[in-house]
Amino acid sequence: MNTFHLLSFLGGQEMIILLVLVLLLFGGKKIPELMRGLGRGIREFQDAKNNVSTEIRKGMNEDPKENKE
Protein backbone atom coordinates (compact mmCIF):
# COMPACT_ATOMS: atom_id res chain seq x y z
CA MET A 1 0.00 0.00 0.00
CA ASN A 2 1.58 3.27 -1.04
CA THR A 3 1.30 6.68 0.61
CA PHE A 4 -0.96 8.15 -2.05
CA HIS A 5 -3.46 5.35 -1.51
CA LEU A 6 -3.50 6.06 2.23
CA LEU A 7 -3.97 9.80 1.62
CA SER A 8 -6.93 9.14 -0.66
CA PHE A 9 -8.94 8.07 2.41
CA LEU A 10 -8.49 11.47 4.06
CA GLY A 11 -11.39 13.85 3.69
CA GLY A 12 -11.72 17.52 4.57
CA GLN A 13 -12.44 16.95 8.24
CA GLU A 14 -9.54 14.56 8.67
CA MET A 15 -7.15 17.04 7.04
CA ILE A 16 -8.32 19.83 9.37
CA ILE A 17 -7.84 17.57 12.40
CA LEU A 18 -4.32 16.71 11.23
CA LEU A 19 -3.46 20.38 10.73
CA VAL A 20 -4.73 21.24 14.21
CA LEU A 21 -2.67 18.40 15.71
CA VAL A 22 0.46 19.60 13.89
CA LEU A 23 -0.13 23.13 15.17
CA LEU A 24 -0.57 21.86 18.72
CA LEU A 25 2.51 19.63 18.59
CA PHE A 26 4.96 22.01 16.92
CA GLY A 27 3.48 25.45 17.44
CA GLY A 28 3.07 28.15 14.82
CA LYS A 29 6.68 29.33 15.04
CA LYS A 30 8.24 25.92 14.36
CA ILE A 31 6.21 25.01 11.26
CA PRO A 32 8.03 27.39 8.84
CA GLU A 33 11.35 26.07 10.15
CA LEU A 34 10.21 22.49 9.58
CA MET A 35 9.06 23.33 6.04
CA ARG A 36 12.41 25.01 5.24
CA GLY A 37 14.24 21.92 6.43
CA LEU A 38 11.98 19.70 4.35
CA GLY A 39 12.57 21.90 1.29
CA ARG A 40 16.34 21.77 1.79
CA GLY A 41 16.22 18.01 2.10
CA ILE A 42 14.20 17.62 -1.08
CA ARG A 43 16.52 20.01 -2.93
CA GLU A 44 19.63 18.11 -1.78
CA PHE A 45 18.06 14.81 -2.83
CA GLN A 46 17.25 16.18 -6.30
CA ASP A 47 20.78 17.57 -6.67
CA ALA A 48 22.28 14.21 -5.73
CA LYS A 49 19.95 12.43 -8.16
CA ASN A 50 20.95 14.80 -10.96
CA ASN A 51 24.65 14.34 -10.17
CA VAL A 52 24.31 10.56 -10.34
CA SER A 53 22.46 10.81 -13.66
CA THR A 54 25.17 13.09 -15.05
CA GLU A 55 27.93 10.72 -13.96
CA ILE A 56 26.14 7.75 -15.53
CA ARG A 57 25.74 9.64 -18.83
CA LYS A 58 29.42 10.63 -18.77
CA GLY A 59 30.40 7.02 -18.12
CA MET A 60 28.30 5.80 -21.02
CA ASN A 61 29.91 8.32 -23.40
CA GLU A 62 33.50 7.48 -22.45
CA ASP A 63 35.60 5.27 -24.68
CA PRO A 64 36.38 2.00 -22.84
CA LYS A 65 39.96 2.01 -24.24
CA GLU A 66 40.67 5.29 -22.38
CA ASN A 67 39.96 3.67 -19.01
CA LYS A 68 42.66 0.98 -19.49
CA GLU A 69 45.55 3.46 -19.41
PDB file of N, CA and C in Angstrom:
ATOM      1  N   MET A   1       0.852  -1.178   0.000  1.00  0.00           N
ATOM      2  CA  MET A   1       0.000   0.000   0.000  1.00  0.00           C
ATOM      3  C   MET A   1       0.894   1.236   0.000  1.00  0.00           C
ATOM      4  N   ASN A   2       0.729   2.089  -0.975  1.00  0.00           N
ATOM      5  CA  ASN A   2       1.584   3.272  -1.040  1.00  0.00           C
ATOM      6  C   ASN A   2       0.955   4.452  -0.302  1.00  0.00           C
ATOM      7  N   THR A   3       1.733   5.510  -0.156  1.00  0.00           N
ATOM      8  CA  THR A   3       1.305   6.677   0.615  1.00  0.00           C
ATOM      9  C   THR A   3       0.122   7.369  -0.033  1.00  0.00           C
ATOM     10  N   PHE A   4       0.134   7.472  -1.355  1.00  0.00           N
ATOM     11  CA  PHE A   4      -0.964   8.145  -2.045  1.00  0.00           C
ATOM     12  C   PHE A   4      -2.283   7.430  -1.787  1.00  0.00           C
ATOM     13  N   HIS A   5      -2.245   6.110  -1.770  1.00  0.00           N
ATOM     14  CA  HIS A   5      -3.459   5.346  -1.507  1.00  0.00           C
ATOM     15  C   HIS A   5      -3.977   5.632  -0.094  1.00  0.00           C
ATOM     16  N   LEU A   6      -3.083   5.753   0.855  1.00  0.00           N
ATOM     17  CA  LEU A   6      -3.496   6.063   2.225  1.00  0.00           C
ATOM     18  C   LEU A   6      -4.069   7.471   2.317  1.00  0.00           C
ATOM     19  N   LEU A   7      -3.480   8.424   1.584  1.00  0.00           N
ATOM     20  CA  LEU A   7      -3.970   9.800   1.619  1.00  0.00           C
ATOM     21  C   LEU A   7      -5.320   9.951   0.931  1.00  0.00           C
ATOM     22  N   SER A   8      -5.657   9.031   0.036  1.00  0.00           N
ATOM     23  CA  SER A   8      -6.933   9.142  -0.656  1.00  0.00           C
ATOM     24  C   SER A   8      -8.113   8.915   0.289  1.00  0.00           C
ATOM     25  N   PHE A   9      -7.877   8.291   1.435  1.00  0.00           N
ATOM     26  CA  PHE A   9      -8.940   8.066   2.406  1.00  0.00           C
ATOM     27  C   PHE A   9      -9.213   9.289   3.275  1.00  0.00           C
ATOM     28  N   LEU A  10      -8.323  10.282   3.230  1.00  0.00           N
ATOM     29  CA  LEU A  10      -8.495  11.467   4.061  1.00  0.00           C
ATOM     30  C   LEU A  10      -9.456  12.445   3.408  1.00  0.00           C
ATOM     31  N   GLY A  11     -10.444  12.851   4.167  1.00  0.00           N
ATOM     32  CA  GLY A  11     -11.391  13.853   3.692  1.00  0.00           C
ATOM     33  C   GLY A  11     -11.052  15.213   4.263  1.00  0.00           C
ATOM     34  N   GLY A  12     -11.939  16.156   4.095  1.00  0.00           N
ATOM     35  CA  GLY A  12     -11.717  17.515   4.573  1.00  0.00           C
ATOM     36  C   GLY A  12     -11.595  17.599   6.077  1.00  0.00           C
ATOM     37  N   GLN A  13     -12.476  16.911   6.782  1.00  0.00           N
ATOM     38  CA  GLN A  13     -12.444  16.954   8.241  1.00  0.00           C
ATOM     39  C   GLN A  13     -11.178  16.325   8.803  1.00  0.00           C
ATOM     40  N   GLU A  14     -10.746  15.224   8.199  1.00  0.00           N
ATOM     41  CA  GLU A  14      -9.535  14.563   8.671  1.00  0.00           C
ATOM     42  C   GLU A  14      -8.318  15.450   8.451  1.00  0.00           C
ATOM     43  N   MET A  15      -8.270  16.145   7.325  1.00  0.00           N
ATOM     44  CA  MET A  15      -7.148  17.039   7.040  1.00  0.00           C
ATOM     45  C   MET A  15      -7.103  18.186   8.054  1.00  0.00           C
ATOM     46  N   ILE A  16      -8.262  18.740   8.390  1.00  0.00           N
ATOM     47  CA  ILE A  16      -8.323  19.825   9.374  1.00  0.00           C
ATOM     48  C   ILE A  16      -7.846  19.332  10.735  1.00  0.00           C
ATOM     49  N   ILE A  17      -8.269  18.144  11.125  1.00  0.00           N
ATOM     50  CA  ILE A  17      -7.839  17.568  12.401  1.00  0.00           C
ATOM     51  C   ILE A  17      -6.329  17.375  12.412  1.00  0.00           C
ATOM     52  N   LEU A  18      -5.763  16.880  11.313  1.00  0.00           N
ATOM     53  CA  LEU A  18      -4.316  16.707  11.234  1.00  0.00           C
ATOM     54  C   LEU A  18      -3.583  18.047  11.333  1.00  0.00           C
ATOM     55  N   LEU A  19      -4.088  19.065  10.666  1.00  0.00           N
ATOM     56  CA  LEU A  19      -3.462  20.383  10.730  1.00  0.00           C
ATOM     57  C   LEU A  19      -3.498  20.949  12.144  1.00  0.00           C
ATOM     58  N   VAL A  20      -4.617  20.772  12.831  1.00  0.00           N
ATOM     59  CA  VAL A  20      -4.730  21.243  14.212  1.00  0.00           C
ATOM     60  C   VAL A  20      -3.744  20.489  15.106  1.00  0.00           C
ATOM     61  N   LEU A  21      -3.622  19.183  14.914  1.00  0.00           N
ATOM     62  CA  LEU A  21      -2.672  18.396  15.707  1.00  0.00           C
ATOM     63  C   LEU A  21      -1.230  18.852  15.459  1.00  0.00           C
ATOM     64  N   VAL A  22      -0.891  19.129  14.203  1.00  0.00           N
ATOM     65  CA  VAL A  22       0.459  19.604  13.893  1.00  0.00           C
ATOM     66  C   VAL A  22       0.707  20.952  14.561  1.00  0.00           C
ATOM     67  N   LEU A  23      -0.282  21.832  14.506  1.00  0.00           N
ATOM     68  CA  LEU A  23      -0.133  23.132  15.169  1.00  0.00           C
ATOM     69  C   LEU A  23       0.055  22.980  16.675  1.00  0.00           C
ATOM     70  N   LEU A  24      -0.697  22.070  17.268  1.00  0.00           N
ATOM     71  CA  LEU A  24      -0.573  21.856  18.715  1.00  0.00           C
ATOM     72  C   LEU A  24       0.773  21.248  19.091  1.00  0.00           C
ATOM     73  N   LEU A  25       1.256  20.308  18.278  1.00  0.00           N
ATOM     74  CA  LEU A  25       2.512  19.633  18.591  1.00  0.00           C
ATOM     75  C   LEU A  25       3.732  20.524  18.384  1.00  0.00           C
ATOM     76  N   PHE A  26       3.759  21.255  17.274  1.00  0.00           N
ATOM     77  CA  PHE A  26       4.958  22.006  16.917  1.00  0.00           C
ATOM     78  C   PHE A  26       4.838  23.503  17.176  1.00  0.00           C
ATOM     79  N   GLY A  27       3.661  24.008  17.258  1.00  0.00           N
ATOM     80  CA  GLY A  27       3.482  25.448  17.441  1.00  0.00           C
ATOM     81  C   GLY A  27       3.636  26.195  16.128  1.00  0.00           C
ATOM     82  N   GLY A  28       3.065  27.372  16.053  1.00  0.00           N
ATOM     83  CA  GLY A  28       3.068  28.154  14.821  1.00  0.00           C
ATOM     84  C   GLY A  28       4.446  28.629  14.405  1.00  0.00           C
ATOM     85  N   LYS A  29       5.356  28.814  15.365  1.00  0.00           N
ATOM     86  CA  LYS A  29       6.683  29.329  15.041  1.00  0.00           C
ATOM     87  C   LYS A  29       7.596  28.254  14.465  1.00  0.00           C
ATOM     88  N   LYS A  30       7.366  27.008  14.804  1.00  0.00           N
ATOM     89  CA  LYS A  30       8.240  25.923  14.358  1.00  0.00           C
ATOM     90  C   LYS A  30       7.872  25.398  12.971  1.00  0.00           C
ATOM     91  N   ILE A  31       6.651  25.573  12.536  1.00  0.00           N
ATOM     92  CA  ILE A  31       6.211  25.006  11.258  1.00  0.00           C
ATOM     93  C   ILE A  31       6.997  25.574  10.077  1.00  0.00           C
ATOM     94  N   PRO A  32       7.214  26.903   9.971  1.00  0.00           N
ATOM     95  CA  PRO A  32       8.031  27.389   8.837  1.00  0.00           C
ATOM     96  C   PRO A  32       9.454  26.821   8.847  1.00  0.00           C
ATOM     97  N   GLU A  33      10.009  26.655  10.041  1.00  0.00           N
ATOM     98  CA  GLU A  33      11.349  26.073  10.155  1.00  0.00           C
ATOM     99  C   GLU A  33      11.351  24.625   9.663  1.00  0.00           C
ATOM    100  N   LEU A  34      10.325  23.872  10.034  1.00  0.00           N
ATOM    101  CA  LEU A  34      10.214  22.486   9.576  1.00  0.00           C
ATOM    102  C   LEU A  34      10.061  22.416   8.058  1.00  0.00           C
ATOM    103  N   MET A  35       9.266  23.323   7.486  1.00  0.00           N
ATOM    104  CA  MET A  35       9.059  23.329   6.042  1.00  0.00           C
ATOM    105  C   MET A  35      10.344  23.709   5.301  1.00  0.00           C
ATOM    106  N   ARG A  36      11.115  24.648   5.848  1.00  0.00           N
ATOM    107  CA  ARG A  36      12.405  25.011   5.236  1.00  0.00           C
ATOM    108  C   ARG A  36      13.342  23.820   5.234  1.00  0.00           C
ATOM    109  N   GLY A  37      13.389  23.109   6.342  1.00  0.00           N
ATOM    110  CA  GLY A  37      14.235  21.918   6.429  1.00  0.00           C
ATOM    111  C   GLY A  37      13.800  20.853   5.441  1.00  0.00           C
ATOM    112  N   LEU A  38      12.505  20.672   5.308  1.00  0.00           N
ATOM    113  CA  LEU A  38      11.981  19.702   4.354  1.00  0.00           C
ATOM    114  C   LEU A  38      12.344  20.117   2.932  1.00  0.00           C
ATOM    115  N   GLY A  39      12.211  21.394   2.621  1.00  0.00           N
ATOM    116  CA  GLY A  39      12.566  21.898   1.293  1.00  0.00           C
ATOM    117  C   GLY A  39      14.037  21.702   0.986  1.00  0.00           C
ATOM    118  N   ARG A  40      14.894  21.975   1.979  1.00  0.00           N
ATOM    119  CA  ARG A  40      16.337  21.770   1.793  1.00  0.00           C
ATOM    120  C   ARG A  40      16.647  20.301   1.534  1.00  0.00           C
ATOM    121  N   GLY A  41      15.995  19.440   2.282  1.00  0.00           N
ATOM    122  CA  GLY A  41      16.224  18.005   2.104  1.00  0.00           C
ATOM    123  C   GLY A  41      15.811  17.533   0.722  1.00  0.00           C
ATOM    124  N   ILE A  42      14.669  18.001   0.262  1.00  0.00           N
ATOM    125  CA  ILE A  42      14.200  17.621  -1.078  1.00  0.00           C
ATOM    126  C   ILE A  42      15.151  18.154  -2.134  1.00  0.00           C
ATOM    127  N   ARG A  43      15.603  19.404  -1.967  1.00  0.00           N
ATOM    128  CA  ARG A  43      16.524  20.007  -2.933  1.00  0.00           C
ATOM    129  C   ARG A  43      17.838  19.238  -2.983  1.00  0.00           C
ATOM    130  N   GLU A  44      18.382  18.868  -1.822  1.00  0.00           N
ATOM    131  CA  GLU A  44      19.631  18.108  -1.777  1.00  0.00           C
ATOM    132  C   GLU A  44      19.459  16.737  -2.426  1.00  0.00           C
ATOM    133  N   PHE A  45      18.324  16.102  -2.213  1.00  0.00           N
ATOM    134  CA  PHE A  45      18.058  14.806  -2.827  1.00  0.00           C
ATOM    135  C   PHE A  45      18.011  14.939  -4.347  1.00  0.00           C
ATOM    136  N   GLN A  46      17.334  15.972  -4.853  1.00  0.00           N
ATOM    137  CA  GLN A  46      17.250  16.176  -6.300  1.00  0.00           C
ATOM    138  C   GLN A  46      18.620  16.483  -6.892  1.00  0.00           C
ATOM    139  N   ASP A  47      19.428  17.279  -6.192  1.00  0.00           N
ATOM    140  CA  ASP A  47      20.783  17.572  -6.668  1.00  0.00           C
ATOM    141  C   ASP A  47      21.616  16.295  -6.749  1.00  0.00           C
ATOM    142  N   ALA A  48      21.531  15.465  -5.732  1.00  0.00           N
ATOM    143  CA  ALA A  48      22.284  14.211  -5.728  1.00  0.00           C
ATOM    144  C   ALA A  48      21.809  13.303  -6.859  1.00  0.00           C
ATOM    145  N   LYS A  49      20.505  13.255  -7.077  1.00  0.00           N
ATOM    146  CA  LYS A  49      19.950  12.432  -8.157  1.00  0.00           C
ATOM    147  C   LYS A  49      20.452  12.926  -9.509  1.00  0.00           C
ATOM    148  N   ASN A  50      20.473  14.238  -9.702  1.00  0.00           N
ATOM    149  CA  ASN A  50      20.952  14.800 -10.960  1.00  0.00           C
ATOM    150  C   ASN A  50      22.442  14.535 -11.151  1.00  0.00           C
ATOM    151  N   ASN A  51      23.221  14.616 -10.077  1.00  0.00           N
ATOM    152  CA  ASN A  51      24.653  14.337 -10.174  1.00  0.00           C
ATOM    153  C   ASN A  51      24.916  12.891 -10.567  1.00  0.00           C
ATOM    154  N   VAL A  52      24.153  11.970  -9.998  1.00  0.00           N
ATOM    155  CA  VAL A  52      24.311  10.561 -10.337  1.00  0.00           C
ATOM    156  C   VAL A  52      23.946  10.343 -11.801  1.00  0.00           C
ATOM    157  N   SER A  53      22.864  10.954 -12.261  1.00  0.00           N
ATOM    158  CA  SER A  53      22.457  10.811 -13.661  1.00  0.00           C
ATOM    159  C   SER A  53      23.530  11.356 -14.595  1.00  0.00           C
ATOM    160  N   THR A  54      24.116  12.494 -14.239  1.00  0.00           N
ATOM    161  CA  THR A  54      25.173  13.086 -15.055  1.00  0.00           C
ATOM    162  C   THR A  54      26.385  12.180 -15.116  1.00  0.00           C
ATOM    163  N   GLU A  55      26.778  11.615 -13.990  1.00  0.00           N
ATOM    164  CA  GLU A  55      27.934  10.718 -13.960  1.00  0.00           C
ATOM    165  C   GLU A  55      27.677   9.461 -14.789  1.00  0.00           C
ATOM    166  N   ILE A  56      26.475   8.940 -14.741  1.00  0.00           N
ATOM    167  CA  ILE A  56      26.142   7.752 -15.533  1.00  0.00           C
ATOM    168  C   ILE A  56      26.217   8.083 -17.014  1.00  0.00           C
ATOM    169  N   ARG A  57      25.678   9.241 -17.412  1.00  0.00           N
ATOM    170  CA  ARG A  57      25.737   9.641 -18.826  1.00  0.00           C
ATOM    171  C   ARG A  57      27.179   9.829 -19.283  1.00  0.00           C
ATOM    172  N   LYS A  58      28.008  10.449 -18.432  1.00  0.00           N
ATOM    173  CA  LYS A  58      29.419  10.630 -18.773  1.00  0.00           C
ATOM    174  C   LYS A  58      30.100   9.281 -18.938  1.00  0.00           C
ATOM    175  N   GLY A  59      29.801   8.357 -18.050  1.00  0.00           N
ATOM    176  CA  GLY A  59      30.397   7.022 -18.122  1.00  0.00           C
ATOM    177  C   GLY A  59      29.985   6.279 -19.373  1.00  0.00           C
ATOM    178  N   MET A  60      28.772   6.477 -19.811  1.00  0.00           N
ATOM    179  CA  MET A  60      28.300   5.804 -21.022  1.00  0.00           C
ATOM    180  C   MET A  60      28.944   6.396 -22.270  1.00  0.00           C
ATOM    181  N   ASN A  61      29.322   7.668 -22.231  1.00  0.00           N
ATOM    182  CA  ASN A  61      29.906   8.322 -23.401  1.00  0.00           C
ATOM    183  C   ASN A  61      31.415   8.154 -23.494  1.00  0.00           C
ATOM    184  N   GLU A  62      32.054   7.669 -22.425  1.00  0.00           N
ATOM    185  CA  GLU A  62      33.504   7.484 -22.446  1.00  0.00           C
ATOM    186  C   GLU A  62      33.884   6.292 -23.295  1.00  0.00           C
ATOM    187  N   ASP A  63      35.055   6.370 -23.897  1.00  0.00           N
ATOM    188  CA  ASP A  63      35.601   5.275 -24.676  1.00  0.00           C
ATOM    189  C   ASP A  63      36.223   4.255 -23.711  1.00  0.00           C
ATOM    190  N   PRO A  64      35.841   2.995 -23.778  1.00  0.00           N
ATOM    191  CA  PRO A  64      36.384   1.999 -22.839  1.00  0.00           C
ATOM    192  C   PRO A  64      37.901   1.859 -22.924  1.00  0.00           C
ATOM    193  N   LYS A  65      38.510   2.127 -24.087  1.00  0.00           N
ATOM    194  CA  LYS A  65      39.965   2.006 -24.235  1.00  0.00           C
ATOM    195  C   LYS A  65      40.682   3.062 -23.406  1.00  0.00           C
ATOM    196  N   GLU A  66      40.056   4.234 -23.166  1.00  0.00           N
ATOM    197  CA  GLU A  66      40.672   5.294 -22.384  1.00  0.00           C
ATOM    198  C   GLU A  66      40.822   4.899 -20.924  1.00  0.00           C
ATOM    199  N   ASN A  67      39.936   4.067 -20.427  1.00  0.00           N
ATOM    200  CA  ASN A  67      39.962   3.669 -19.009  1.00  0.00           C
ATOM    201  C   ASN A  67      41.080   2.677 -18.703  1.00  0.00           C
ATOM    202  N   LYS A  68      41.632   1.986 -19.713  1.00  0.00           N
ATOM    203  CA  LYS A  68      42.662   0.975 -19.485  1.00  0.00           C
ATOM    204  C   LYS A  68      44.041   1.565 -19.278  1.00  0.00           C
ATOM    205  N   GLU A  69      44.224   2.840 -19.531  1.00  0.00           N
ATOM    206  CA  GLU A  69      45.546   3.465 -19.410  1.00  0.00           C
ATOM    207  C   GLU A  69      45.988   3.591 -17.992  1.00  0.00           C
TER     208      GLU A  69
END
